[in-house]
Amino acid sequence: KQIAKNSVVSMRYIMKNSTGEILENIMNNDPVNYLHGSSAIQSLLQLQLEGLKAGDKKLVYLKAASGLTNEDFIFDVIIDEVREAMEEEILLGYPIKINIAHYSK
């Protein structure tokens, strides 16, 4: 399953500023989840994640030239899981916790 609109994406990342300083590192934490196509994360970042699948790694950029931020940021991203969003998640605009035992891929 590739990242596309209405996918729930689980990912971990390291966020650095333009000088390479680590601002946030969740590589050793639980992944964050978001609904692809929602406003949960910046659309410019989502565009760069589109088409990736579980296990993929990518450097993703948020440049000051976009007008969305005052400086450049680099995200070293690893995709842990991609799944189809459930109808209620699409309506809510964000992923909900599900009981894995009742969910089959």
PDB file of N, CA and C in Angstrom:
ATOM      1  N   LYS A   1       0.854  -1.183   0.000  1.00  0.00           N
ATOM      2  CA  LYS A   1       0.000   0.000   0.000  1.00  0.00           C
ATOM      3  C   LYS A   1       0.894   1.239   0.000  1.00  0.00           C
ATOM      4  N   GLN A   2       0.654   2.122  -0.939  1.00  0.00           N
ATOM      5  CA  GLN A   2       1.413   3.361  -1.050  1.00  0.00           C
ATOM      6  C   GLN A   2       0.644   4.517  -0.415  1.00  0.00           C
ATOM      7  N   ILE A   3       1.391   5.510   0.040  1.00  0.00           N
ATOM      8  CA  ILE A   3       0.765   6.693   0.619  1.00  0.00           C
ATOM      9  C   ILE A   3       0.005   7.450  -0.468  1.00  0.00           C
ATOM     10  N   ALA A   4      -1.276   7.664  -0.215  1.00  0.00           N
ATOM     11  CA  ALA A   4      -2.152   8.404  -1.124  1.00  0.00           C
ATOM     12  C   ALA A   4      -3.251   9.034  -0.272  1.00  0.00           C
ATOM     13  N   LYS A   5      -4.096   9.834  -0.900  1.00  0.00           N
ATOM     14  CA  LYS A   5      -5.189  10.479  -0.175  1.00  0.00           C
ATOM     15  C   LYS A   5      -6.000   9.423   0.585  1.00  0.00           C
ATOM     16  N   ASN A   6      -6.378   9.753   1.812  1.00  0.00           N
ATOM     17  CA  ASN A   6      -7.157   8.881   2.695  1.00  0.00           C
ATOM     18  C   ASN A   6      -6.414   7.627   3.138  1.00  0.00           C
ATOM     19  N   SER A   7      -5.087   7.722   3.212  1.00  0.00           N
ATOM     20  CA  SER A   7      -4.275   6.675   3.836  1.00  0.00           C
ATOM     21  C   SER A   7      -3.950   7.136   5.247  1.00  0.00           C
ATOM     22  N   VAL A   8      -3.898   6.190   6.164  1.00  0.00           N
ATOM     23  CA  VAL A   8      -3.374   6.496   7.492  1.00  0.00           C
ATOM     24  C   VAL A   8      -1.906   6.087   7.468  1.00  0.00           C
ATOM     25  N   VAL A   9      -1.047   7.038   7.799  1.00  0.00           N
ATOM     26  CA  VAL A   9       0.395   6.828   7.729  1.00  0.00           C
ATOM     27  C   VAL A   9       0.972   6.858   9.140  1.00  0.00           C
ATOM     28  N   SER A  10       1.784   5.851   9.454  1.00  0.00           N
ATOM     29  CA  SER A  10       2.548   5.820  10.707  1.00  0.00           C
ATOM     30  C   SER A  10       3.998   6.050  10.326  1.00  0.00           C
ATOM     31  N   MET A  11       4.619   7.044  10.956  1.00  0.00           N
ATOM     32  CA  MET A  11       6.004   7.352  10.602  1.00  0.00           C
ATOM     33  C   MET A  11       6.773   7.869  11.804  1.00  0.00           C
ATOM     34  N   ARG A  12       8.096   7.750  11.695  1.00  0.00           N
ATOM     35  CA  ARG A  12       9.007   8.336  12.668  1.00  0.00           C
ATOM     36  C   ARG A  12       9.942   9.269  11.913  1.00  0.00           C
ATOM     37  N   TYR A  13      10.525  10.235  12.629  1.00  0.00           N
ATOM     38  CA  TYR A  13      11.381  11.202  11.936  1.00  0.00           C
ATOM     39  C   TYR A  13      12.375  11.869  12.875  1.00  0.00           C
ATOM     40  N   ILE A  14      13.381  12.468  12.250  1.00  0.00           N
ATOM     41  CA  ILE A  14      14.300  13.392  12.911  1.00  0.00           C
ATOM     42  C   ILE A  14      14.128  14.719  12.182  1.00  0.00           C
ATOM     43  N   MET A  15      13.842  15.777  12.924  1.00  0.00           N
ATOM     44  CA  MET A  15      13.666  17.111  12.338  1.00  0.00           C
ATOM     45  C   MET A  15      14.894  17.947  12.658  1.00  0.00           C
ATOM     46  N   LYS A  16      15.501  18.523  11.596  1.00  0.00           N
ATOM     47  CA  LYS A  16      16.684  19.372  11.768  1.00  0.00           C
ATOM     48  C   LYS A  16      16.422  20.740  11.160  1.00  0.00           C
ATOM     49  N   ASN A  17      17.113  21.746  11.694  1.00  0.00           N
ATOM     50  CA  ASN A  17      17.018  23.072  11.078  1.00  0.00           C
ATOM     51  C   ASN A  17      18.097  23.192  10.001  1.00  0.00           C
ATOM     52  N   SER A  18      18.220  24.374   9.411  1.00  0.00           N
ATOM     53  CA  SER A  18      19.134  24.572   8.283  1.00  0.00           C
ATOM     54  C   SER A  18      20.603  24.392   8.654  1.00  0.00           C
ATOM     55  N   THR A  19      20.937  24.504   9.930  1.00  0.00           N
ATOM     56  CA  THR A  19      22.330  24.315  10.356  1.00  0.00           C
ATOM     57  C   THR A  19      22.605  22.868  10.767  1.00  0.00           C
ATOM     58  N   GLY A  20      21.587  22.007  10.654  1.00  0.00           N
ATOM     59  CA  GLY A  20      21.777  20.597  11.003  1.00  0.00           C
ATOM     60  C   GLY A  20      21.499  20.277  12.456  1.00  0.00           C
ATOM     61  N   GLU A  21      21.085  21.277  13.229  1.00  0.00           N
ATOM     62  CA  GLU A  21      20.760  21.053  14.642  1.00  0.00           C
ATOM     63  C   GLU A  21      19.480  20.223  14.741  1.00  0.00           C
ATOM     64  N   ILE A  22      19.516  19.166  15.543  1.00  0.00           N
ATOM     65  CA  ILE A  22      18.336  18.319  15.725  1.00  0.00           C
ATOM     66  C   ILE A  22      17.342  19.029  16.636  1.00  0.00           C
ATOM     67  N   LEU A  23      16.143  19.265  16.116  1.00  0.00           N
ATOM     68  CA  LEU A  23      15.089  19.937  16.875  1.00  0.00           C
ATOM     69  C   LEU A  23      14.139  18.927  17.508  1.00  0.00           C
ATOM     70  N   GLU A  24      13.954  17.801  16.833  1.00  0.00           N
ATOM     71  CA  GLU A  24      13.068  16.762  17.348  1.00  0.00           C
ATOM     72  C   GLU A  24      13.517  15.429  16.771  1.00  0.00           C
ATOM     73  N   ASN A  25      13.561  14.411  17.632  1.00  0.00           N
ATOM     74  CA  ASN A  25      13.962  13.077  17.191  1.00  0.00           C
ATOM     75  C   ASN A  25      13.025  12.063  17.832  1.00  0.00           C
ATOM     76  N   ILE A  26      12.167  11.444  17.018  1.00  0.00           N
ATOM     77  CA  ILE A  26      11.242  10.425  17.553  1.00  0.00           C
ATOM     78  C   ILE A  26      11.542   9.046  16.951  1.00  0.00           C
ATOM     79  N   MET A  27      12.760   8.855  16.451  1.00  0.00           N
ATOM     80  CA  MET A  27      13.121   7.575  15.833  1.00  0.00           C
ATOM     81  C   MET A  27      12.998   6.402  16.806  1.00  0.00           C
ATOM     82  N   ASN A  28      13.258   6.647  18.078  1.00  0.00           N
ATOM     83  CA  ASN A  28      13.191   5.559  19.059  1.00  0.00           C
ATOM     84  C   ASN A  28      11.885   5.578  19.857  1.00  0.00           C
ATOM     85  N   ASN A  29      10.931   6.379  19.422  1.00  0.00           N
ATOM     86  CA  ASN A  29       9.624   6.471  20.084  1.00  0.00           C
ATOM     87  C   ASN A  29       8.567   5.777  19.231  1.00  0.00           C
ATOM     88  N   ASP A  30       7.341   5.781  19.731  1.00  0.00           N
ATOM     89  CA  ASP A  30       6.230   5.279  18.921  1.00  0.00           C
ATOM     90  C   ASP A  30       6.053   6.196  17.726  1.00  0.00           C
ATOM     91  N   PRO A  31       5.671   5.629  16.577  1.00  0.00           N
ATOM     92  CA  PRO A  31       5.454   6.480  15.401  1.00  0.00           C
ATOM     93  C   PRO A  31       4.266   7.422  15.591  1.00  0.00           C
ATOM     94  N   VAL A  32       4.287   8.511  14.834  1.00  0.00           N
ATOM     95  CA  VAL A  32       3.129   9.400  14.789  1.00  0.00           C
ATOM     96  C   VAL A  32       2.258   8.961  13.622  1.00  0.00           C
ATOM     97  N   ASN A  33       0.964   9.175  13.759  1.00  0.00           N
ATOM     98  CA  ASN A  33       0.007   8.791  12.724  1.00  0.00           C
ATOM     99  C   ASN A  33      -0.696  10.034  12.209  1.00  0.00           C
ATOM    100  N   TYR A  34      -0.951  10.058  10.915  1.00  0.00           N
ATOM    101  CA  TYR A  34      -1.742  11.146  10.358  1.00  0.00           C
ATOM    102  C   TYR A  34      -2.560  10.626   9.184  1.00  0.00           C
ATOM    103  N   LEU A  35      -3.612  11.339   8.864  1.00  0.00           N
ATOM    104  CA  LEU A  35      -4.462  11.013   7.722  1.00  0.00           C
ATOM    105  C   LEU A  35      -3.942  11.803   6.531  1.00  0.00           C
ATOM    106  N   HIS A  36      -3.437  11.098   5.527  1.00  0.00           N
ATOM    107  CA  HIS A  36      -2.877  11.756   4.351  1.00  0.00           C
ATOM    108  C   HIS A  36      -3.989  12.451   3.569  1.00  0.00           C
ATOM    109  N   GLY A  37      -3.758  13.714   3.277  1.00  0.00           N
ATOM    110  CA  GLY A  37      -4.763  14.512   2.584  1.00  0.00           C
ATOM    111  C   GLY A  37      -5.526  15.431   3.525  1.00  0.00           C
ATOM    112  N   SER A  38      -5.325  15.241   4.832  1.00  0.00           N
ATOM    113  CA  SER A  38      -5.968  16.125   5.818  1.00  0.00           C
ATOM    114  C   SER A  38      -5.014  17.281   6.108  1.00  0.00           C
ATOM    115  N   SER A  39      -5.417  18.161   6.973  1.00  0.00           N
ATOM    116  CA  SER A  39      -4.551  19.298   7.308  1.00  0.00           C
ATOM    117  C   SER A  39      -3.654  19.001   8.509  1.00  0.00           C
ATOM    118  N   ALA A  40      -3.539  17.736   8.888  1.00  0.00           N
ATOM    119  CA  ALA A  40      -2.757  17.357  10.066  1.00  0.00           C
ATOM    120  C   ALA A  40      -1.286  17.750   9.946  1.00  0.00           C
ATOM    121  N   ILE A  41      -0.708  17.556   8.776  1.00  0.00           N
ATOM    122  CA  ILE A  41       0.660  18.017   8.566  1.00  0.00           C
ATOM    123  C   ILE A  41       0.684  18.855   7.284  1.00  0.00           C
ATOM    124  N   GLN A  42       1.665  19.709   7.195  1.00  0.00           N
ATOM    125  CA  GLN A  42       1.803  20.644   6.081  1.00  0.00           C
ATOM    126  C   GLN A  42       1.678  19.922   4.729  1.00  0.00           C
ATOM    127  N   SER A  43       0.851  20.446   3.845  1.00  0.00           N
ATOM    128  CA  SER A  43       0.602  19.799   2.550  1.00  0.00           C
ATOM    129  C   SER A  43       1.879  19.670   1.718  1.00  0.00           C
ATOM    130  N   LEU A  44       2.796  20.614   1.868  1.00  0.00           N
ATOM    131  CA  LEU A  44       4.067  20.539   1.145  1.00  0.00           C
ATOM    132  C   LEU A  44       4.867  19.307   1.583  1.00  0.00           C
ATOM    133  N   LEU A  45       4.783  18.961   2.859  1.00  0.00           N
ATOM    134  CA  LEU A  45       5.448  17.749   3.356  1.00  0.00           C
ATOM    135  C   LEU A  45       4.714  16.510   2.852  1.00  0.00           C
ATOM    136  N   GLN A  46       3.385  16.548   2.871  1.00  0.00           N
ATOM    137  CA  GLN A  46       2.603  15.405   2.409  1.00  0.00           C
ATOM    138  C   GLN A  46       2.904  15.074   0.948  1.00  0.00           C
ATOM    139  N   LEU A  47       3.043  16.095   0.121  1.00  0.00           N
ATOM    140  CA  LEU A  47       3.355  15.872  -1.300  1.00  0.00           C
ATOM    141  C   LEU A  47       4.634  15.063  -1.464  1.00  0.00           C
ATOM    142  N   GLN A  48       5.629  15.329  -0.613  1.00  0.00           N
ATOM    143  CA  GLN A  48       6.912  14.645  -0.707  1.00  0.00           C
ATOM    144  C   GLN A  48       6.848  13.204  -0.191  1.00  0.00           C
ATOM    145  N   LEU A  49       5.802  12.886   0.590  1.00  0.00           N
ATOM    146  CA  LEU A  49       5.645  11.527   1.130  1.00  0.00           C
ATOM    147  C   LEU A  49       4.785  10.648   0.222  1.00  0.00           C
ATOM    148  N   GLU A  50       4.034  11.272  -0.670  1.00  0.00           N
ATOM    149  CA  GLU A  50       3.119  10.534  -1.536  1.00  0.00           C
ATOM    150  C   GLU A  50       3.857   9.449  -2.322  1.00  0.00           C
ATOM    151  N   GLY A  51       3.248   8.263  -2.362  1.00  0.00           N
ATOM    152  CA  GLY A  51       3.824   7.154  -3.110  1.00  0.00           C
ATOM    153  C   GLY A  51       4.762   6.267  -2.306  1.00  0.00           C
ATOM    154  N   LEU A  52       5.176   6.728  -1.118  1.00  0.00           N
ATOM    155  CA  LEU A  52       6.038   5.883  -0.289  1.00  0.00           C
ATOM    156  C   LEU A  52       5.227   4.746   0.325  1.00  0.00           C
ATOM    157  N   LYS A  53       5.922   3.713   0.771  1.00  0.00           N
ATOM    158  CA  LYS A  53       5.249   2.597   1.438  1.00  0.00           C
ATOM    159  C   LYS A  53       6.035   2.189   2.673  1.00  0.00           C
ATOM    160  N   ALA A  54       5.465   1.291   3.465  1.00  0.00           N
ATOM    161  CA  ALA A  54       6.104   0.853   4.712  1.00  0.00           C
ATOM    162  C   ALA A  54       7.546   0.420   4.442  1.00  0.00           C
ATOM    163  N   GLY A  55       8.442   0.887   5.302  1.00  0.00           N
ATOM    164  CA  GLY A  55       9.858   0.554   5.183  1.00  0.00           C
ATOM    165  C   GLY A  55      10.662   1.588   4.412  1.00  0.00           C
ATOM    166  N   ASP A  56       9.974   2.465   3.660  1.00  0.00           N
ATOM    167  CA  ASP A  56      10.681   3.489   2.886  1.00  0.00           C
ATOM    168  C   ASP A  56      11.253   4.562   3.806  1.00  0.00           C
ATOM    169  N   LYS A  57      12.404   5.104   3.387  1.00  0.00           N
ATOM    170  CA  LYS A  57      13.049   6.220   4.094  1.00  0.00           C
ATOM    171  C   LYS A  57      13.225   7.344   3.091  1.00  0.00           C
ATOM    172  N   LYS A  58      13.108   8.587   3.566  1.00  0.00           N
ATOM    173  CA  LYS A  58      13.255   9.715   2.655  1.00  0.00           C
ATOM    174  C   LYS A  58      13.625  10.970   3.435  1.00  0.00           C
ATOM    175  N   LEU A  59      14.413  11.827   2.808  1.00  0.00           N
ATOM    176  CA  LEU A  59      14.657  13.163   3.345  1.00  0.00           C
ATOM    177  C   LEU A  59      13.591  14.073   2.751  1.00  0.00           C
ATOM    178  N   VAL A  60      12.878  14.776   3.619  1.00  0.00           N
ATOM    179  CA  VAL A  60      11.787  15.654   3.212  1.00  0.00           C
ATOM    180  C   VAL A  60      12.141  17.072   3.654  1.00  0.00           C
ATOM    181  N   TYR A  61      11.846  18.027   2.797  1.00  0.00           N
ATOM    182  CA  TYR A  61      12.280  19.407   3.054  1.00  0.00           C
ATOM    183  C   TYR A  61      11.097  20.361   3.172  1.00  0.00           C
ATOM    184  N   LEU A  62      11.230  21.294   4.098  1.00  0.00           N
ATOM    185  CA  LEU A  62      10.303  22.416   4.209  1.00  0.00           C
ATOM    186  C   LEU A  62      11.181  23.664   4.115  1.00  0.00           C
ATOM    187  N   LYS A  63      11.143  24.291   2.968  1.00  0.00           N
ATOM    188  CA  LYS A  63      12.042  25.416   2.674  1.00  0.00           C
ATOM    189  C   LYS A  63      11.399  26.751   3.028  1.00  0.00           C
ATOM    190  N   ALA A  64      12.231  27.689   3.476  1.00  0.00           N
ATOM    191  CA  ALA A  64      11.759  29.037   3.778  1.00  0.00           C
ATOM    192  C   ALA A  64      11.180  29.698   2.527  1.00  0.00           C
ATOM    193  N   ALA A  65      11.718  29.333   1.359  1.00  0.00           N
ATOM    194  CA  ALA A  65      11.247  29.911   0.093  1.00  0.00           C
ATOM    195  C   ALA A  65       9.771  29.617  -0.172  1.00  0.00           C
ATOM    196  N   SER A  66       9.226  28.605   0.513  1.00  0.00           N
ATOM    197  CA  SER A  66       7.809  28.262   0.342  1.00  0.00           C
ATOM    198  C   SER A  66       6.909  29.336   0.952  1.00  0.00           C
ATOM    199  N   GLY A  67       7.486  30.158   1.836  1.00  0.00           N
ATOM    200  CA  GLY A  67       6.702  31.181   2.514  1.00  0.00           C
ATOM    201  C   GLY A  67       5.956  30.651   3.731  1.00  0.00           C
ATOM    202  N   LEU A  68       6.131  29.371   4.038  1.00  0.00           N
ATOM    203  CA  LEU A  68       5.417  28.732   5.153  1.00  0.00           C
ATOM    204  C   LEU A  68       6.201  28.785   6.460  1.00  0.00           C
ATOM    205  N   THR A  69       7.479  29.105   6.357  1.00  0.00           N
ATOM    206  CA  THR A  69       8.347  29.102   7.525  1.00  0.00           C
ATOM    207  C   THR A  69       9.450  30.141   7.325  1.00  0.00           C
ATOM    208  N   ASN A  70      10.122  30.500   8.410  1.00  0.00           N
ATOM    209  CA  ASN A  70      11.193  31.496   8.317  1.00  0.00           C
ATOM    210  C   ASN A  70      12.552  30.888   8.019  1.00  0.00           C
ATOM    211  N   GLU A  71      12.672  29.568   8.158  1.00  0.00           N
ATOM    212  CA  GLU A  71      13.942  28.910   7.866  1.00  0.00           C
ATOM    213  C   GLU A  71      13.701  27.546   7.248  1.00  0.00           C
ATOM    214  N   ASP A  72      14.771  26.948   6.737  1.00  0.00           N
ATOM    215  CA  ASP A  72      14.666  25.623   6.122  1.00  0.00           C
ATOM    216  C   ASP A  72      14.667  24.542   7.198  1.00  0.00           C
ATOM    217  N   PHE A  73      13.858  23.527   6.982  1.00  0.00           N
ATOM    218  CA  PHE A  73      13.835  22.364   7.868  1.00  0.00           C
ATOM    219  C   PHE A  73      14.001  21.100   7.032  1.00  0.00           C
ATOM    220  N   ILE A  74      14.679  20.119   7.613  1.00  0.00           N
ATOM    221  CA  ILE A  74      14.891  18.827   6.961  1.00  0.00           C
ATOM    222  C   ILE A  74      14.321  17.754   7.879  1.00  0.00           C
ATOM    223  N   PHE A  75      13.546  16.852   7.313  1.00  0.00           N
ATOM    224  CA  PHE A  75      12.981  15.741   8.063  1.00  0.00           C
ATOM    225  C   PHE A  75      13.538  14.449   7.485  1.00  0.00           C
ATOM    226  N   ASP A  76      14.192  13.661   8.324  1.00  0.00           N
ATOM    227  CA  ASP A  76      14.670  12.336   7.940  1.00  0.00           C
ATOM    228  C   ASP A  76      13.559  11.379   8.375  1.00  0.00           C
ATOM    229  N   VAL A  77      12.791  10.876   7.408  1.00  0.00           N
ATOM    230  CA  VAL A  77      11.547  10.158   7.689  1.00  0.00           C
ATOM    231  C   VAL A  77      11.681   8.670   7.380  1.00  0.00           C
ATOM    232  N   ILE A  78      11.086   7.841   8.228  1.00  0.00           N
ATOM    233  CA  ILE A  78      10.913   6.422   7.913  1.00  0.00           C
ATOM    234  C   ILE A  78       9.423   6.104   8.057  1.00  0.00           C
ATOM    235  N   ILE A  79       8.887   5.422   7.068  1.00  0.00           N
ATOM    236  CA  ILE A  79       7.467   5.056   7.067  1.00  0.00           C
ATOM    237  C   ILE A  79       7.328   3.683   7.723  1.00  0.00           C
ATOM    238  N   ASP A  80       6.544   3.610   8.778  1.00  0.00           N
ATOM    239  CA  ASP A  80       6.352   2.340   9.481  1.00  0.00           C
ATOM    240  C   ASP A  80       5.170   1.547   8.943  1.00  0.00           C
ATOM    241  N   GLU A  81       4.092   2.251   8.605  1.00  0.00           N
ATOM    242  CA  GLU A  81       2.899   1.546   8.132  1.00  0.00           C
ATOM    243  C   GLU A  81       2.055   2.502   7.292  1.00  0.00           C
ATOM    244  N   VAL A  82       1.387   1.932   6.302  1.00  0.00           N
ATOM    245  CA  VAL A  82       0.415   2.671   5.498  1.00  0.00           C
ATOM    246  C   VAL A  82      -0.802   1.767   5.367  1.00  0.00           C
ATOM    247  N   ARG A  83      -1.969   2.323   5.695  1.00  0.00           N
ATOM    248  CA  ARG A  83      -3.197   1.540   5.559  1.00  0.00           C
ATOM    249  C   ARG A  83      -4.323   2.440   5.070  1.00  0.00           C
ATOM    250  N   GLU A  84      -5.347   1.829   4.528  1.00  0.00           N
ATOM    251  CA  GLU A  84      -6.539   2.552   4.109  1.00  0.00           C
ATOM    252  C   GLU A  84      -7.231   3.120   5.332  1.00  0.00           C
ATOM    253  N   ALA A  85      -7.663   4.351   5.252  1.00  0.00           N
ATOM    254  CA  ALA A  85      -8.404   4.959   6.363  1.00  0.00           C
ATOM    255  C   ALA A  85      -9.808   4.379   6.412  1.00  0.00           C
ATOM    256  N   MET A  86     -10.335   4.247   7.608  1.00  0.00           N
ATOM    257  CA  MET A  86     -11.726   3.824   7.772  1.00  0.00           C
ATOM    258  C   MET A  86     -12.622   5.032   7.511  1.00  0.00           C
ATOM    259  N   GLU A  87     -13.860   4.780   7.161  1.00  0.00           N
ATOM    260  CA  GLU A  87     -14.797   5.857   6.833  1.00  0.00           C
ATOM    261  C   GLU A  87     -14.878   6.906   7.944  1.00  0.00           C
ATOM    262  N   GLU A  88     -14.923   6.436   9.194  1.00  0.00           N
ATOM    263  CA  GLU A  88     -15.035   7.400  10.301  1.00  0.00           C
ATOM    264  C   GLU A  88     -13.785   8.264  10.434  1.00  0.00           C
ATOM    265  N   GLU A  89     -12.617   7.719  10.083  1.00  0.00           N
ATOM    266  CA  GLU A  89     -11.385   8.509  10.133  1.00  0.00           C
ATOM    267  C   GLU A  89     -11.419   9.612   9.073  1.00  0.00           C
ATOM    268  N   ILE A  90     -11.925   9.287   7.898  1.00  0.00           N
ATOM    269  CA  ILE A  90     -12.033  10.275   6.822  1.00  0.00           C
ATOM    270  C   ILE A  90     -12.997  11.385   7.234  1.00  0.00           C
ATOM    271  N   LEU A  91     -14.109  11.017   7.844  1.00  0.00           N
ATOM    272  CA  LEU A  91     -15.084  12.008   8.306  1.00  0.00           C
ATOM    273  C   LEU A  91     -14.506  12.892   9.407  1.00  0.00           C
ATOM    274  N   LEU A  92     -13.757  12.287  10.337  1.00  0.00           N
ATOM    275  CA  LEU A  92     -13.153  13.034  11.447  1.00  0.00           C
ATOM    276  C   LEU A  92     -11.959  13.870  10.988  1.00  0.00           C
ATOM    277  N   GLY A  93     -11.258  13.390   9.970  1.00  0.00           N
ATOM    278  CA  GLY A  93     -10.077  14.095   9.483  1.00  0.00           C
ATOM    279  C   GLY A  93      -8.789  13.699  10.178  1.00  0.00           C
ATOM    280  N   TYR A  94      -8.848  12.640  10.977  1.00  0.00           N
ATOM    281  CA  TYR A  94      -7.638  12.158  11.650  1.00  0.00           C
ATOM    282  C   TYR A  94      -7.805  10.681  11.998  1.00  0.00           C
ATOM    283  N   PRO A  95      -6.669   9.969  12.197  1.00  0.00           N
ATOM    284  CA  PRO A  95      -6.749   8.550  12.534  1.00  0.00           C
ATOM    285  C   PRO A  95      -7.265   8.343  13.952  1.00  0.00           C
ATOM    286  N   ILE A  96      -7.960   7.235  14.145  1.00  0.00           N
ATOM    287  CA  ILE A  96      -8.404   6.866  15.481  1.00  0.00           C
ATOM    288  C   ILE A  96      -7.677   5.584  15.863  1.00  0.00           C
ATOM    289  N   LYS A  97      -7.535   5.390  17.142  1.00  0.00           N
ATOM    290  CA  LYS A  97      -6.891   4.157  17.607  1.00  0.00           C
ATOM    291  C   LYS A  97      -7.824   2.988  17.308  1.00  0.00           C
ATOM    292  N   ILE A  98      -7.236   1.921  16.795  1.00  0.00           N
ATOM    293  CA  ILE A  98      -8.052   0.741  16.495  1.00  0.00           C
ATOM    294  C   ILE A  98      -7.465  -0.455  17.225  1.00  0.00           C
ATOM    295  N   ASN A  99      -8.318  -1.397  17.475  1.00  0.00           N
ATOM    296  CA  ASN A  99      -7.860  -2.647  18.092  1.00  0.00           C
ATOM    297  C   ASN A  99      -7.267  -3.505  16.994  1.00  0.00           C
ATOM    298  N   ILE A 100      -5.938  -3.685  17.049  1.00  0.00           N
ATOM    299  CA  ILE A 100      -5.224  -4.416  16.005  1.00  0.00           C
ATOM    300  C   ILE A 100      -5.797  -5.811  15.800  1.00  0.00           C
ATOM    301  N   ALA A 101      -6.270  -6.437  16.859  1.00  0.00           N
ATOM    302  CA  ALA A 101      -6.796  -7.798  16.747  1.00  0.00           C
ATOM    303  C   ALA A 101      -8.022  -7.857  15.817  1.00  0.00           C
ATOM    304  N   HIS A 102      -8.733  -6.756  15.690  1.00  0.00           N
ATOM    305  CA  HIS A 102      -9.930  -6.723  14.843  1.00  0.00           C
ATOM    306  C   HIS A 102      -9.660  -6.147  13.465  1.00  0.00           C
ATOM    307  N   TYR A 103      -8.412  -5.818  13.197  1.00  0.00           N
ATOM    308  CA  TYR A 103      -8.075  -5.189  11.932  1.00  0.00           C
ATOM    309  C   TYR A 103      -7.193  -6.130  11.128  1.00  0.00           C
ATOM    310  N   SER A 104      -7.592  -6.426   9.924  1.00  0.00           N
ATOM    311  CA  SER A 104      -6.746  -7.255   9.063  1.00  0.00           C
ATOM    312  C   SER A 104      -6.327  -6.424   7.861  1.00  0.00           C
ATOM    313  N   LYS A 105      -5.089  -6.564   7.489  1.00  0.00           N
ATOM    314  CA  LYS A 105      -4.525  -5.757   6.382  1.00  0.00           C
ATOM    315  C   LYS A 105      -5.041  -6.258   5.048  1.00  0.00           C
TER     316      LYS A 105
END
